[in-house]
Amino acid sequence: MRFEIVLAPTAVRELRALPAYERAQVRDALERHLRHEPRRVSRSRIRRLRGMAQPQFRLRVADIRIFYDVTETEVEVLAIVSKSQADSWLRERGKTLEEGRAGQG
Protein backbone atom coordinates (compact mmCIF):
# COMPACT_ATOMS: atom_id res chain seq x y z
CA MET A 1 0.00 0.00 0.00
CA ARG A 2 1.24 3.46 -0.87
CA PHE A 3 0.95 6.09 1.87
CA GLU A 4 0.61 9.80 1.22
CA ILE A 5 3.30 11.78 3.04
CA VAL A 6 2.02 15.05 4.51
CA LEU A 7 4.34 17.53 6.19
CA ALA A 8 3.01 19.78 8.95
CA PRO A 9 3.75 23.49 8.36
CA THR A 10 6.47 23.48 11.02
CA ALA A 11 8.07 20.41 9.43
CA VAL A 12 8.13 22.22 6.08
CA ARG A 13 9.96 25.16 7.69
CA GLU A 14 12.38 22.83 9.45
CA LEU A 15 13.09 20.96 6.19
CA ARG A 16 13.75 24.21 4.33
CA ALA A 17 16.16 25.34 7.06
CA LEU A 18 18.40 22.31 6.58
CA PRO A 19 21.49 22.50 4.38
CA ALA A 20 20.86 21.16 0.86
CA TYR A 21 22.73 17.89 1.44
CA GLU A 22 20.75 17.04 4.60
CA ARG A 23 17.51 18.14 2.94
CA ALA A 24 18.16 15.66 0.12
CA GLN A 25 18.92 12.89 2.64
CA VAL A 26 15.66 13.58 4.49
CA ARG A 27 13.59 13.60 1.29
CA ASP A 28 15.17 10.33 0.18
CA ALA A 29 14.53 8.72 3.58
CA LEU A 30 10.90 9.88 3.63
CA GLU A 31 10.32 8.29 0.25
CA ARG A 32 12.33 5.13 0.92
CA HIS A 33 11.12 4.32 4.44
CA LEU A 34 7.74 5.96 4.89
CA ARG A 35 6.03 5.71 1.51
CA HIS A 36 5.23 1.98 1.71
CA GLU A 37 6.02 0.64 5.21
CA PRO A 38 5.99 3.49 7.76
CA ARG A 39 5.16 1.14 10.65
CA ARG A 40 8.00 -1.29 9.98
CA VAL A 41 10.34 -0.79 12.91
CA SER A 42 14.03 -1.56 12.64
CA ARG A 43 16.91 -1.65 15.07
CA SER A 44 18.36 1.69 14.11
CA ARG A 45 16.17 3.48 11.57
CA ILE A 46 12.49 3.46 12.62
CA ARG A 47 11.37 3.25 16.20
CA ARG A 48 7.87 3.15 17.70
CA LEU A 49 7.78 5.62 20.58
CA ARG A 50 6.56 3.87 23.71
CA GLY A 51 4.16 5.70 25.96
CA MET A 52 3.49 8.36 23.32
CA ALA A 53 0.11 9.14 21.76
CA GLN A 54 1.75 11.66 19.44
CA PRO A 55 4.14 11.28 17.72
CA GLN A 56 3.85 7.55 17.22
CA PHE A 57 7.17 6.96 15.43
CA ARG A 58 10.68 8.32 14.95
CA LEU A 59 12.79 7.95 11.81
CA ARG A 60 16.54 8.45 12.13
CA VAL A 61 18.45 9.97 9.22
CA ALA A 62 22.10 10.59 10.20
CA ASP A 63 21.87 13.30 12.91
CA ILE A 64 18.29 14.23 12.00
CA ARG A 65 15.21 12.86 13.75
CA ILE A 66 11.84 12.82 12.00
CA PHE A 67 8.78 12.43 14.22
CA TYR A 68 5.59 11.24 12.57
CA ASP A 69 2.15 9.68 12.96
CA VAL A 70 0.53 7.07 10.72
CA THR A 71 -3.15 6.75 9.79
CA GLU A 72 -4.73 4.26 7.40
CA THR A 73 -3.62 6.19 4.29
CA GLU A 74 -1.27 8.96 5.44
CA VAL A 75 2.01 9.59 7.15
CA GLU A 76 1.93 12.98 8.88
CA VAL A 77 5.42 14.33 9.51
CA LEU A 78 5.22 16.48 12.63
CA ALA A 79 8.83 17.56 13.06
CA ILE A 80 12.27 17.34 11.50
CA VAL A 81 14.84 18.17 14.18
CA SER A 82 18.48 17.55 14.97
CA LYS A 83 19.45 14.77 17.35
CA SER A 84 20.39 17.33 20.00
CA GLN A 85 16.91 18.92 19.82
CA ALA A 86 14.92 15.67 19.73
CA ASP A 87 14.47 15.15 23.48
CA SER A 88 13.45 18.73 24.14
CA TRP A 89 11.01 18.65 21.20
CA LEU A 90 9.37 15.50 22.58
CA ARG A 91 9.07 17.02 26.07
CA GLU A 92 7.55 20.24 24.73
CA ARG A 93 5.32 19.01 21.91
CA GLY A 94 4.87 15.27 22.34
CA LYS A 95 1.72 13.90 23.97
CA THR A 96 1.94 10.95 26.29
CA LEU A 97 -0.75 8.26 26.28
CA GLU A 98 -2.16 9.67 29.54
CA GLU A 99 -2.51 13.14 28.00
CA GLY A 100 -4.15 11.64 24.90
CA ARG A 101 -6.69 9.74 27.00
CA ALA A 102 -7.56 12.77 29.14
CA GLY A 103 -9.06 14.54 26.12
CA GLN A 104 -11.27 11.56 25.17
CA GLY A 105 -13.68 11.74 28.14
PDB file of N, CA and C in Angstrom:
ATOM      1  N   MET A   1       0.838  -1.178   0.000  1.00  0.00           N
ATOM      2  CA  MET A   1       0.000   0.000   0.000  1.00  0.00           C
ATOM      3  C   MET A   1       0.886   1.246   0.000  1.00  0.00           C
ATOM      4  N   ARG A   2       0.482   2.215  -0.752  1.00  0.00           N
ATOM      5  CA  ARG A   2       1.235   3.462  -0.871  1.00  0.00           C
ATOM      6  C   ARG A   2       0.617   4.531   0.040  1.00  0.00           C
ATOM      7  N   PHE A   3       1.408   5.070   0.944  1.00  0.00           N
ATOM      8  CA  PHE A   3       0.947   6.092   1.874  1.00  0.00           C
ATOM      9  C   PHE A   3       1.248   7.479   1.311  1.00  0.00           C
ATOM     10  N   GLU A   4       0.350   8.406   1.571  1.00  0.00           N
ATOM     11  CA  GLU A   4       0.608   9.798   1.221  1.00  0.00           C
ATOM     12  C   GLU A   4       1.416  10.406   2.367  1.00  0.00           C
ATOM     13  N   ILE A   5       2.457  11.130   2.034  1.00  0.00           N
ATOM     14  CA  ILE A   5       3.297  11.776   3.045  1.00  0.00           C
ATOM     15  C   ILE A   5       2.909  13.246   3.112  1.00  0.00           C
ATOM     16  N   VAL A   6       2.466  13.678   4.293  1.00  0.00           N
ATOM     17  CA  VAL A   6       2.019  15.049   4.511  1.00  0.00           C
ATOM     18  C   VAL A   6       2.922  15.682   5.563  1.00  0.00           C
ATOM     19  N   LEU A   7       3.485  16.823   5.237  1.00  0.00           N
ATOM     20  CA  LEU A   7       4.337  17.530   6.192  1.00  0.00           C
ATOM     21  C   LEU A   7       3.545  18.638   6.874  1.00  0.00           C
ATOM     22  N   ALA A   8       3.617  18.686   8.195  1.00  0.00           N
ATOM     23  CA  ALA A   8       3.012  19.780   8.948  1.00  0.00           C
ATOM     24  C   ALA A   8       3.748  21.072   8.584  1.00  0.00           C
ATOM     25  N   PRO A   9       3.087  22.224   8.708  1.00  0.00           N
ATOM     26  CA  PRO A   9       3.746  23.492   8.355  1.00  0.00           C
ATOM     27  C   PRO A   9       5.083  23.707   9.060  1.00  0.00           C
ATOM     28  N   THR A  10       5.185  23.321  10.322  1.00  0.00           N
ATOM     29  CA  THR A  10       6.467  23.484  11.024  1.00  0.00           C
ATOM     30  C   THR A  10       7.526  22.553  10.449  1.00  0.00           C
ATOM     31  N   ALA A  11       7.124  21.352  10.038  1.00  0.00           N
ATOM     32  CA  ALA A  11       8.070  20.414   9.434  1.00  0.00           C
ATOM     33  C   ALA A  11       8.575  20.939   8.095  1.00  0.00           C
ATOM     34  N   VAL A  12       7.708  21.615   7.352  1.00  0.00           N
ATOM     35  CA  VAL A  12       8.127  22.221   6.078  1.00  0.00           C
ATOM     36  C   VAL A  12       9.202  23.276   6.343  1.00  0.00           C
ATOM     37  N   ARG A  13       8.971  24.119   7.345  1.00  0.00           N
ATOM     38  CA  ARG A  13       9.960  25.158   7.690  1.00  0.00           C
ATOM     39  C   ARG A  13      11.276  24.541   8.149  1.00  0.00           C
ATOM     40  N   GLU A  14      11.176  23.489   8.958  1.00  0.00           N
ATOM     41  CA  GLU A  14      12.382  22.826   9.450  1.00  0.00           C
ATOM     42  C   GLU A  14      13.155  22.165   8.312  1.00  0.00           C
ATOM     43  N   LEU A  15      12.444  21.585   7.356  1.00  0.00           N
ATOM     44  CA  LEU A  15      13.093  20.964   6.193  1.00  0.00           C
ATOM     45  C   LEU A  15      13.807  22.014   5.354  1.00  0.00           C
ATOM     46  N   ARG A  16      13.154  23.130   5.127  1.00  0.00           N
ATOM     47  CA  ARG A  16      13.755  24.213   4.328  1.00  0.00           C
ATOM     48  C   ARG A  16      14.984  24.812   5.005  1.00  0.00           C
ATOM     49  N   ALA A  17      15.036  24.760   6.324  1.00  0.00           N
ATOM     50  CA  ALA A  17      16.158  25.342   7.063  1.00  0.00           C
ATOM     51  C   ALA A  17      17.406  24.461   7.023  1.00  0.00           C
ATOM     52  N   LEU A  18      17.249  23.212   6.629  1.00  0.00           N
ATOM     53  CA  LEU A  18      18.398  22.311   6.576  1.00  0.00           C
ATOM     54  C   LEU A  18      19.307  22.654   5.404  1.00  0.00           C
ATOM     55  N   PRO A  19      20.587  22.360   5.527  1.00  0.00           N
ATOM     56  CA  PRO A  19      21.486  22.498   4.377  1.00  0.00           C
ATOM     57  C   PRO A  19      21.026  21.557   3.254  1.00  0.00           C
ATOM     58  N   ALA A  20      21.343  21.892   2.031  1.00  0.00           N
ATOM     59  CA  ALA A  20      20.859  21.157   0.863  1.00  0.00           C
ATOM     60  C   ALA A  20      21.166  19.660   0.945  1.00  0.00           C
ATOM     61  N   TYR A  21      22.361  19.295   1.372  1.00  0.00           N
ATOM     62  CA  TYR A  21      22.730  17.887   1.438  1.00  0.00           C
ATOM     63  C   TYR A  21      21.831  17.132   2.425  1.00  0.00           C
ATOM     64  N   GLU A  22      21.603  17.690   3.609  1.00  0.00           N
ATOM     65  CA  GLU A  22      20.746  17.045   4.598  1.00  0.00           C
ATOM     66  C   GLU A  22      19.303  17.025   4.137  1.00  0.00           C
ATOM     67  N   ARG A  23      18.867  18.081   3.477  1.00  0.00           N
ATOM     68  CA  ARG A  23      17.506  18.143   2.940  1.00  0.00           C
ATOM     69  C   ARG A  23      17.280  17.004   1.946  1.00  0.00           C
ATOM     70  N   ALA A  24      18.261  16.755   1.088  1.00  0.00           N
ATOM     71  CA  ALA A  24      18.165  15.663   0.117  1.00  0.00           C
ATOM     72  C   ALA A  24      18.122  14.312   0.825  1.00  0.00           C
ATOM     73  N   GLN A  25      18.931  14.146   1.870  1.00  0.00           N
ATOM     74  CA  GLN A  25      18.918  12.895   2.640  1.00  0.00           C
ATOM     75  C   GLN A  25      17.546  12.650   3.271  1.00  0.00           C
ATOM     76  N   VAL A  26      16.966  13.705   3.830  1.00  0.00           N
ATOM     77  CA  VAL A  26      15.664  13.575   4.485  1.00  0.00           C
ATOM     78  C   VAL A  26      14.597  13.219   3.457  1.00  0.00           C
ATOM     79  N   ARG A  27      14.579  13.907   2.329  1.00  0.00           N
ATOM     80  CA  ARG A  27      13.587  13.602   1.290  1.00  0.00           C
ATOM     81  C   ARG A  27      13.708  12.156   0.822  1.00  0.00           C
ATOM     82  N   ASP A  28      14.938  11.707   0.616  1.00  0.00           N
ATOM     83  CA  ASP A  28      15.174  10.329   0.184  1.00  0.00           C
ATOM     84  C   ASP A  28      14.675   9.341   1.237  1.00  0.00           C
ATOM     85  N   ALA A  29      14.956   9.607   2.499  1.00  0.00           N
ATOM     86  CA  ALA A  29      14.527   8.721   3.579  1.00  0.00           C
ATOM     87  C   ALA A  29      13.008   8.695   3.714  1.00  0.00           C
ATOM     88  N   LEU A  30      12.358   9.843   3.568  1.00  0.00           N
ATOM     89  CA  LEU A  30      10.898   9.885   3.629  1.00  0.00           C
ATOM     90  C   LEU A  30      10.307   8.975   2.556  1.00  0.00           C
ATOM     91  N   GLU A  31      10.827   9.100   1.364  1.00  0.00           N
ATOM     92  CA  GLU A  31      10.324   8.293   0.247  1.00  0.00           C
ATOM     93  C   GLU A  31      10.663   6.810   0.443  1.00  0.00           C
ATOM     94  N   ARG A  32      11.868   6.513   0.814  1.00  0.00           N
ATOM     95  CA  ARG A  32      12.326   5.129   0.924  1.00  0.00           C
ATOM     96  C   ARG A  32      11.674   4.385   2.088  1.00  0.00           C
ATOM     97  N   HIS A  33      11.567   5.027   3.248  1.00  0.00           N
ATOM     98  CA  HIS A  33      11.125   4.315   4.444  1.00  0.00           C
ATOM     99  C   HIS A  33       9.664   4.528   4.807  1.00  0.00           C
ATOM    100  N   LEU A  34       9.091   5.666   4.432  1.00  0.00           N
ATOM    101  CA  LEU A  34       7.738   5.957   4.891  1.00  0.00           C
ATOM    102  C   LEU A  34       6.660   5.803   3.826  1.00  0.00           C
ATOM    103  N   ARG A  35       7.031   5.774   2.579  1.00  0.00           N
ATOM    104  CA  ARG A  35       6.031   5.706   1.507  1.00  0.00           C
ATOM    105  C   ARG A  35       5.239   4.398   1.531  1.00  0.00           C
ATOM    106  N   HIS A  36       5.906   3.271   1.803  1.00  0.00           N
ATOM    107  CA  HIS A  36       5.230   1.978   1.710  1.00  0.00           C
ATOM    108  C   HIS A  36       5.106   1.223   3.031  1.00  0.00           C
ATOM    109  N   GLU A  37       6.063   1.370   3.934  1.00  0.00           N
ATOM    110  CA  GLU A  37       6.017   0.642   5.206  1.00  0.00           C
ATOM    111  C   GLU A  37       6.402   1.545   6.383  1.00  0.00           C
ATOM    112  N   PRO A  38       5.603   2.551   6.685  1.00  0.00           N
ATOM    113  CA  PRO A  38       5.992   3.487   7.756  1.00  0.00           C
ATOM    114  C   PRO A  38       5.946   2.888   9.154  1.00  0.00           C
ATOM    115  N   ARG A  39       5.254   1.772   9.328  1.00  0.00           N
ATOM    116  CA  ARG A  39       5.160   1.142  10.654  1.00  0.00           C
ATOM    117  C   ARG A  39       6.207   0.053  10.870  1.00  0.00           C
ATOM    118  N   ARG A  40       7.011  -0.222   9.881  1.00  0.00           N
ATOM    119  CA  ARG A  40       8.005  -1.294   9.982  1.00  0.00           C
ATOM    120  C   ARG A  40       9.209  -0.817  10.793  1.00  0.00           C
ATOM    121  N   VAL A  41       9.254  -1.228  12.036  1.00  0.00           N
ATOM    122  CA  VAL A  41      10.343  -0.794  12.912  1.00  0.00           C
ATOM    123  C   VAL A  41      11.612  -1.561  12.591  1.00  0.00           C
ATOM    124  N   SER A  42      12.736  -0.929  12.844  1.00  0.00           N
ATOM    125  CA  SER A  42      14.030  -1.557  12.638  1.00  0.00           C
ATOM    126  C   SER A  42      14.915  -1.215  13.838  1.00  0.00           C
ATOM    127  N   ARG A  43      16.034  -1.871  13.921  1.00  0.00           N
ATOM    128  CA  ARG A  43      16.908  -1.646  15.073  1.00  0.00           C
ATOM    129  C   ARG A  43      17.409  -0.217  15.167  1.00  0.00           C
ATOM    130  N   SER A  44      17.736   0.372  14.039  1.00  0.00           N
ATOM    131  CA  SER A  44      18.361   1.687  14.112  1.00  0.00           C
ATOM    132  C   SER A  44      17.597   2.781  13.372  1.00  0.00           C
ATOM    133  N   ARG A  45      16.780   2.453  12.419  1.00  0.00           N
ATOM    134  CA  ARG A  45      16.173   3.477  11.572  1.00  0.00           C
ATOM    135  C   ARG A  45      14.816   3.967  12.097  1.00  0.00           C
ATOM    136  N   ILE A  46      13.837   3.074  12.190  1.00  0.00           N
ATOM    137  CA  ILE A  46      12.488   3.458  12.619  1.00  0.00           C
ATOM    138  C   ILE A  46      12.211   2.857  13.987  1.00  0.00           C
ATOM    139  N   ARG A  47      11.673   3.695  14.849  1.00  0.00           N
ATOM    140  CA  ARG A  47      11.367   3.245  16.200  1.00  0.00           C
ATOM    141  C   ARG A  47       9.969   3.700  16.592  1.00  0.00           C
ATOM    142  N   ARG A  48       9.184   2.789  17.142  1.00  0.00           N
ATOM    143  CA  ARG A  48       7.875   3.151  17.701  1.00  0.00           C
ATOM    144  C   ARG A  48       8.144   3.774  19.065  1.00  0.00           C
ATOM    145  N   LEU A  49       7.532   4.907  19.333  1.00  0.00           N
ATOM    146  CA  LEU A  49       7.783   5.619  20.585  1.00  0.00           C
ATOM    147  C   LEU A  49       6.827   5.105  21.661  1.00  0.00           C
ATOM    148  N   ARG A  50       7.355   4.437  22.642  1.00  0.00           N
ATOM    149  CA  ARG A  50       6.556   3.871  23.712  1.00  0.00           C
ATOM    150  C   ARG A  50       6.012   4.957  24.620  1.00  0.00           C
ATOM    151  N   GLY A  51       4.777   4.771  25.032  1.00  0.00           N
ATOM    152  CA  GLY A  51       4.157   5.701  25.965  1.00  0.00           C
ATOM    153  C   GLY A  51       3.732   7.015  25.332  1.00  0.00           C
ATOM    154  N   MET A  52       3.838   7.116  24.005  1.00  0.00           N
ATOM    155  CA  MET A  52       3.494   8.364  23.322  1.00  0.00           C
ATOM    156  C   MET A  52       2.224   8.179  22.489  1.00  0.00           C
ATOM    157  N   ALA A  53       1.289   9.114  22.624  1.00  0.00           N
ATOM    158  CA  ALA A  53       0.110   9.136  21.760  1.00  0.00           C
ATOM    159  C   ALA A  53       0.449   9.881  20.473  1.00  0.00           C
ATOM    160  N   GLN A  54       1.302  10.882  20.596  1.00  0.00           N
ATOM    161  CA  GLN A  54       1.748  11.656  19.437  1.00  0.00           C
ATOM    162  C   GLN A  54       3.097  12.250  19.748  1.00  0.00           C
ATOM    163  N   PRO A  55       4.088  12.077  18.945  1.00  0.00           N
ATOM    164  CA  PRO A  55       4.137  11.283  17.725  1.00  0.00           C
ATOM    165  C   PRO A  55       4.222   9.793  18.030  1.00  0.00           C
ATOM    166  N   GLN A  56       3.833   8.995  17.048  1.00  0.00           N
ATOM    167  CA  GLN A  56       3.847   7.550  17.223  1.00  0.00           C
ATOM    168  C   GLN A  56       5.209   6.934  16.890  1.00  0.00           C
ATOM    169  N   PHE A  57       5.929   7.541  15.929  1.00  0.00           N
ATOM    170  CA  PHE A  57       7.170   6.958  15.432  1.00  0.00           C
ATOM    171  C   PHE A  57       8.266   8.003  15.285  1.00  0.00           C
ATOM    172  N   ARG A  58       9.516   7.493  15.223  1.00  0.00           N
ATOM    173  CA  ARG A  58      10.675   8.323  14.954  1.00  0.00           C
ATOM    174  C   ARG A  58      11.515   7.654  13.874  1.00  0.00           C
ATOM    175  N   LEU A  59      11.899   8.421  12.872  1.00  0.00           N
ATOM    176  CA  LEU A  59      12.791   7.954  11.815  1.00  0.00           C
ATOM    177  C   LEU A  59      14.123   8.667  11.989  1.00  0.00           C
ATOM    178  N   ARG A  60      15.203   7.890  11.987  1.00  0.00           N
ATOM    179  CA  ARG A  60      16.542   8.454  12.131  1.00  0.00           C
ATOM    180  C   ARG A  60      17.200   8.544  10.767  1.00  0.00           C
ATOM    181  N   VAL A  61      17.705   9.735  10.452  1.00  0.00           N
ATOM    182  CA  VAL A  61      18.450   9.968   9.218  1.00  0.00           C
ATOM    183  C   VAL A  61      19.714  10.716   9.615  1.00  0.00           C
ATOM    184  N   ALA A  62      20.829  10.002   9.728  1.00  0.00           N
ATOM    185  CA  ALA A  62      22.096  10.593  10.195  1.00  0.00           C
ATOM    186  C   ALA A  62      21.848  11.274  11.545  1.00  0.00           C
ATOM    187  N   ASP A  63      22.100  12.584  11.656  1.00  0.00           N
ATOM    188  CA  ASP A  63      21.873  13.304  12.912  1.00  0.00           C
ATOM    189  C   ASP A  63      20.532  14.024  12.943  1.00  0.00           C
ATOM    190  N   ILE A  64      19.628  13.631  12.071  1.00  0.00           N
ATOM    191  CA  ILE A  64      18.291  14.231  11.998  1.00  0.00           C
ATOM    192  C   ILE A  64      17.281  13.209  12.519  1.00  0.00           C
ATOM    193  N   ARG A  65      16.301  13.704  13.263  1.00  0.00           N
ATOM    194  CA  ARG A  65      15.213  12.857  13.755  1.00  0.00           C
ATOM    195  C   ARG A  65      13.905  13.387  13.173  1.00  0.00           C
ATOM    196  N   ILE A  66      13.123  12.472  12.617  1.00  0.00           N
ATOM    197  CA  ILE A  66      11.838  12.825  12.004  1.00  0.00           C
ATOM    198  C   ILE A  66      10.760  12.151  12.833  1.00  0.00           C
ATOM    199  N   PHE A  67       9.880  12.948  13.412  1.00  0.00           N
ATOM    200  CA  PHE A  67       8.785  12.431  14.222  1.00  0.00           C
ATOM    201  C   PHE A  67       7.520  12.450  13.381  1.00  0.00           C
ATOM    202  N   TYR A  68       6.771  11.331  13.428  1.00  0.00           N
ATOM    203  CA  TYR A  68       5.592  11.244  12.569  1.00  0.00           C
ATOM    204  C   TYR A  68       4.522  10.334  13.152  1.00  0.00           C
ATOM    205  N   ASP A  69       3.301  10.511  12.633  1.00  0.00           N
ATOM    206  CA  ASP A  69       2.150   9.678  12.964  1.00  0.00           C
ATOM    207  C   ASP A  69       1.687   8.983  11.698  1.00  0.00           C
ATOM    208  N   VAL A  70       1.026   7.846  11.865  1.00  0.00           N
ATOM    209  CA  VAL A  70       0.531   7.075  10.719  1.00  0.00           C
ATOM    210  C   VAL A  70      -0.967   6.834  10.895  1.00  0.00           C
ATOM    211  N   THR A  71      -1.738   7.112   9.838  1.00  0.00           N
ATOM    212  CA  THR A  71      -3.153   6.753   9.792  1.00  0.00           C
ATOM    213  C   THR A  71      -3.294   5.630   8.763  1.00  0.00           C
ATOM    214  N   GLU A  72      -4.506   5.329   8.371  1.00  0.00           N
ATOM    215  CA  GLU A  72      -4.731   4.260   7.398  1.00  0.00           C
ATOM    216  C   GLU A  72      -4.113   4.561   6.033  1.00  0.00           C
ATOM    217  N   THR A  73      -4.085   5.841   5.635  1.00  0.00           N
ATOM    218  CA  THR A  73      -3.619   6.188   4.287  1.00  0.00           C
ATOM    219  C   THR A  73      -2.515   7.231   4.260  1.00  0.00           C
ATOM    220  N   GLU A  74      -2.212   7.832   5.410  1.00  0.00           N
ATOM    221  CA  GLU A  74      -1.267   8.955   5.440  1.00  0.00           C
ATOM    222  C   GLU A  74      -0.178   8.772   6.486  1.00  0.00           C
ATOM    223  N   VAL A  75       0.942   9.404   6.184  1.00  0.00           N
ATOM    224  CA  VAL A  75       2.013   9.585   7.152  1.00  0.00           C
ATOM    225  C   VAL A  75       2.101  11.093   7.362  1.00  0.00           C
ATOM    226  N   GLU A  76       1.844  11.548   8.588  1.00  0.00           N
ATOM    227  CA  GLU A  76       1.934  12.975   8.884  1.00  0.00           C
ATOM    228  C   GLU A  76       3.247  13.240   9.607  1.00  0.00           C
ATOM    229  N   VAL A  77       4.137  13.958   8.933  1.00  0.00           N
ATOM    230  CA  VAL A  77       5.424  14.325   9.510  1.00  0.00           C
ATOM    231  C   VAL A  77       5.199  15.550  10.388  1.00  0.00           C
ATOM    232  N   LEU A  78       5.463  15.410  11.673  1.00  0.00           N
ATOM    233  CA  LEU A  78       5.217  16.477  12.633  1.00  0.00           C
ATOM    234  C   LEU A  78       6.425  17.371  12.841  1.00  0.00           C
ATOM    235  N   ALA A  79       7.625  16.777  12.797  1.00  0.00           N
ATOM    236  CA  ALA A  79       8.833  17.559  13.064  1.00  0.00           C
ATOM    237  C   ALA A  79      10.043  16.910  12.414  1.00  0.00           C
ATOM    238  N   ILE A  80      10.979  17.761  12.024  1.00  0.00           N
ATOM    239  CA  ILE A  80      12.274  17.343  11.503  1.00  0.00           C
ATOM    240  C   ILE A  80      13.303  18.130  12.304  1.00  0.00           C
ATOM    241  N   VAL A  81      13.943  17.465  13.264  1.00  0.00           N
ATOM    242  CA  VAL A  81      14.840  18.171  14.181  1.00  0.00           C
ATOM    243  C   VAL A  81      16.177  17.451  14.281  1.00  0.00           C
ATOM    244  N   SER A  82      17.174  18.164  14.772  1.00  0.00           N
ATOM    245  CA  SER A  82      18.484  17.552  14.967  1.00  0.00           C
ATOM    246  C   SER A  82      18.427  16.615  16.168  1.00  0.00           C
ATOM    247  N   LYS A  83      19.374  15.714  16.239  1.00  0.00           N
ATOM    248  CA  LYS A  83      19.452  14.765  17.347  1.00  0.00           C
ATOM    249  C   LYS A  83      19.505  15.493  18.682  1.00  0.00           C
ATOM    250  N   SER A  84      20.249  16.581  18.744  1.00  0.00           N
ATOM    251  CA  SER A  84      20.393  17.326  19.996  1.00  0.00           C
ATOM    252  C   SER A  84      19.090  17.993  20.434  1.00  0.00           C
ATOM    253  N   GLN A  85      18.189  18.272  19.494  1.00  0.00           N
ATOM    254  CA  GLN A  85      16.912  18.920  19.818  1.00  0.00           C
ATOM    255  C   GLN A  85      15.782  17.926  20.036  1.00  0.00           C
ATOM    256  N   ALA A  86      15.996  16.659  19.729  1.00  0.00           N
ATOM    257  CA  ALA A  86      14.918  15.671  19.729  1.00  0.00           C
ATOM    258  C   ALA A  86      14.263  15.503  21.100  1.00  0.00           C
ATOM    259  N   ASP A  87      15.048  15.338  22.149  1.00  0.00           N
ATOM    260  CA  ASP A  87      14.470  15.146  23.485  1.00  0.00           C
ATOM    261  C   ASP A  87      13.665  16.351  23.942  1.00  0.00           C
ATOM    262  N   SER A  88      14.187  17.545  23.719  1.00  0.00           N
ATOM    263  CA  SER A  88      13.449  18.733  24.143  1.00  0.00           C
ATOM    264  C   SER A  88      12.165  18.900  23.317  1.00  0.00           C
ATOM    265  N   TRP A  89      12.217  18.557  22.028  1.00  0.00           N
ATOM    266  CA  TRP A  89      11.009  18.648  21.195  1.00  0.00           C
ATOM    267  C   TRP A  89       9.944  17.690  21.721  1.00  0.00           C
ATOM    268  N   LEU A  90      10.336  16.471  22.056  1.00  0.00           N
ATOM    269  CA  LEU A  90       9.371  15.496  22.584  1.00  0.00           C
ATOM    270  C   LEU A  90       8.766  15.956  23.905  1.00  0.00           C
ATOM    271  N   ARG A  91       9.592  16.525  24.787  1.00  0.00           N
ATOM    272  CA  ARG A  91       9.075  17.021  26.066  1.00  0.00           C
ATOM    273  C   ARG A  91       8.087  18.168  25.871  1.00  0.00           C
ATOM    274  N   GLU A  92       8.386  19.065  24.936  1.00  0.00           N
ATOM    275  CA  GLU A  92       7.546  20.245  24.726  1.00  0.00           C
ATOM    276  C   GLU A  92       6.293  19.958  23.907  1.00  0.00           C
ATOM    277  N   ARG A  93       6.422  19.158  22.861  1.00  0.00           N
ATOM    278  CA  ARG A  93       5.320  19.010  21.910  1.00  0.00           C
ATOM    279  C   ARG A  93       4.695  17.629  21.875  1.00  0.00           C
ATOM    280  N   GLY A  94       5.406  16.628  22.362  1.00  0.00           N
ATOM    281  CA  GLY A  94       4.866  15.273  22.344  1.00  0.00           C
ATOM    282  C   GLY A  94       3.742  15.122  23.347  1.00  0.00           C
ATOM    283  N   LYS A  95       2.842  14.187  23.061  1.00  0.00           N
ATOM    284  CA  LYS A  95       1.725  13.905  23.966  1.00  0.00           C
ATOM    285  C   LYS A  95       1.843  12.467  24.434  1.00  0.00           C
ATOM    286  N   THR A  96       1.869  12.296  25.749  1.00  0.00           N
ATOM    287  CA  THR A  96       1.941  10.946  26.286  1.00  0.00           C
ATOM    288  C   THR A  96       0.567  10.286  26.167  1.00  0.00           C
ATOM    289  N   LEU A  97       0.526   8.976  26.363  1.00  0.00           N
ATOM    290  CA  LEU A  97      -0.747   8.265  26.277  1.00  0.00           C
ATOM    291  C   LEU A  97      -1.737   8.801  27.315  1.00  0.00           C
ATOM    292  N   GLU A  98      -1.259   9.150  28.504  1.00  0.00           N
ATOM    293  CA  GLU A  98      -2.156   9.672  29.542  1.00  0.00           C
ATOM    294  C   GLU A  98      -2.784  10.997  29.110  1.00  0.00           C
ATOM    295  N   GLU A  99      -1.995  11.873  28.481  1.00  0.00           N
ATOM    296  CA  GLU A  99      -2.514  13.143  27.996  1.00  0.00           C
ATOM    297  C   GLU A  99      -3.516  12.917  26.872  1.00  0.00           C
ATOM    298  N   GLY A 100      -3.247  11.955  26.008  1.00  0.00           N
ATOM    299  CA  GLY A 100      -4.145  11.645  24.903  1.00  0.00           C
ATOM    300  C   GLY A 100      -5.483  11.112  25.394  1.00  0.00           C
ATOM    301  N   ARG A 101      -5.458  10.301  26.440  1.00  0.00           N
ATOM    302  CA  ARG A 101      -6.693   9.736  26.995  1.00  0.00           C
ATOM    303  C   ARG A 101      -7.515  10.775  27.742  1.00  0.00           C
ATOM    304  N   ALA A 102      -6.860  11.751  28.356  1.00  0.00           N
ATOM    305  CA  ALA A 102      -7.559  12.771  29.139  1.00  0.00           C
ATOM    306  C   ALA A 102      -8.518  13.568  28.275  1.00  0.00           C
ATOM    307  N   GLY A 103      -8.203  13.783  27.004  1.00  0.00           N
ATOM    308  CA  GLY A 103      -9.065  14.540  26.116  1.00  0.00           C
ATOM    309  C   GLY A 103     -10.176  13.734  25.504  1.00  0.00           C
ATOM    310  N   GLN A 104     -10.256  12.407  25.793  1.00  0.00           N
ATOM    311  CA  GLN A 104     -11.269  11.561  25.172  1.00  0.00           C
ATOM    312  C   GLN A 104     -12.507  11.378  26.032  1.00  0.00           C
ATOM    313  N   GLY A 105     -12.582  11.987  27.213  1.00  0.00           N
ATOM    314  CA  GLY A 105     -13.683  11.736  28.137  1.00  0.00           C
ATOM    315  C   GLY A 105     -14.877  12.454  27.808  1.00  0.00           C
TER     316      GLY A 105
END
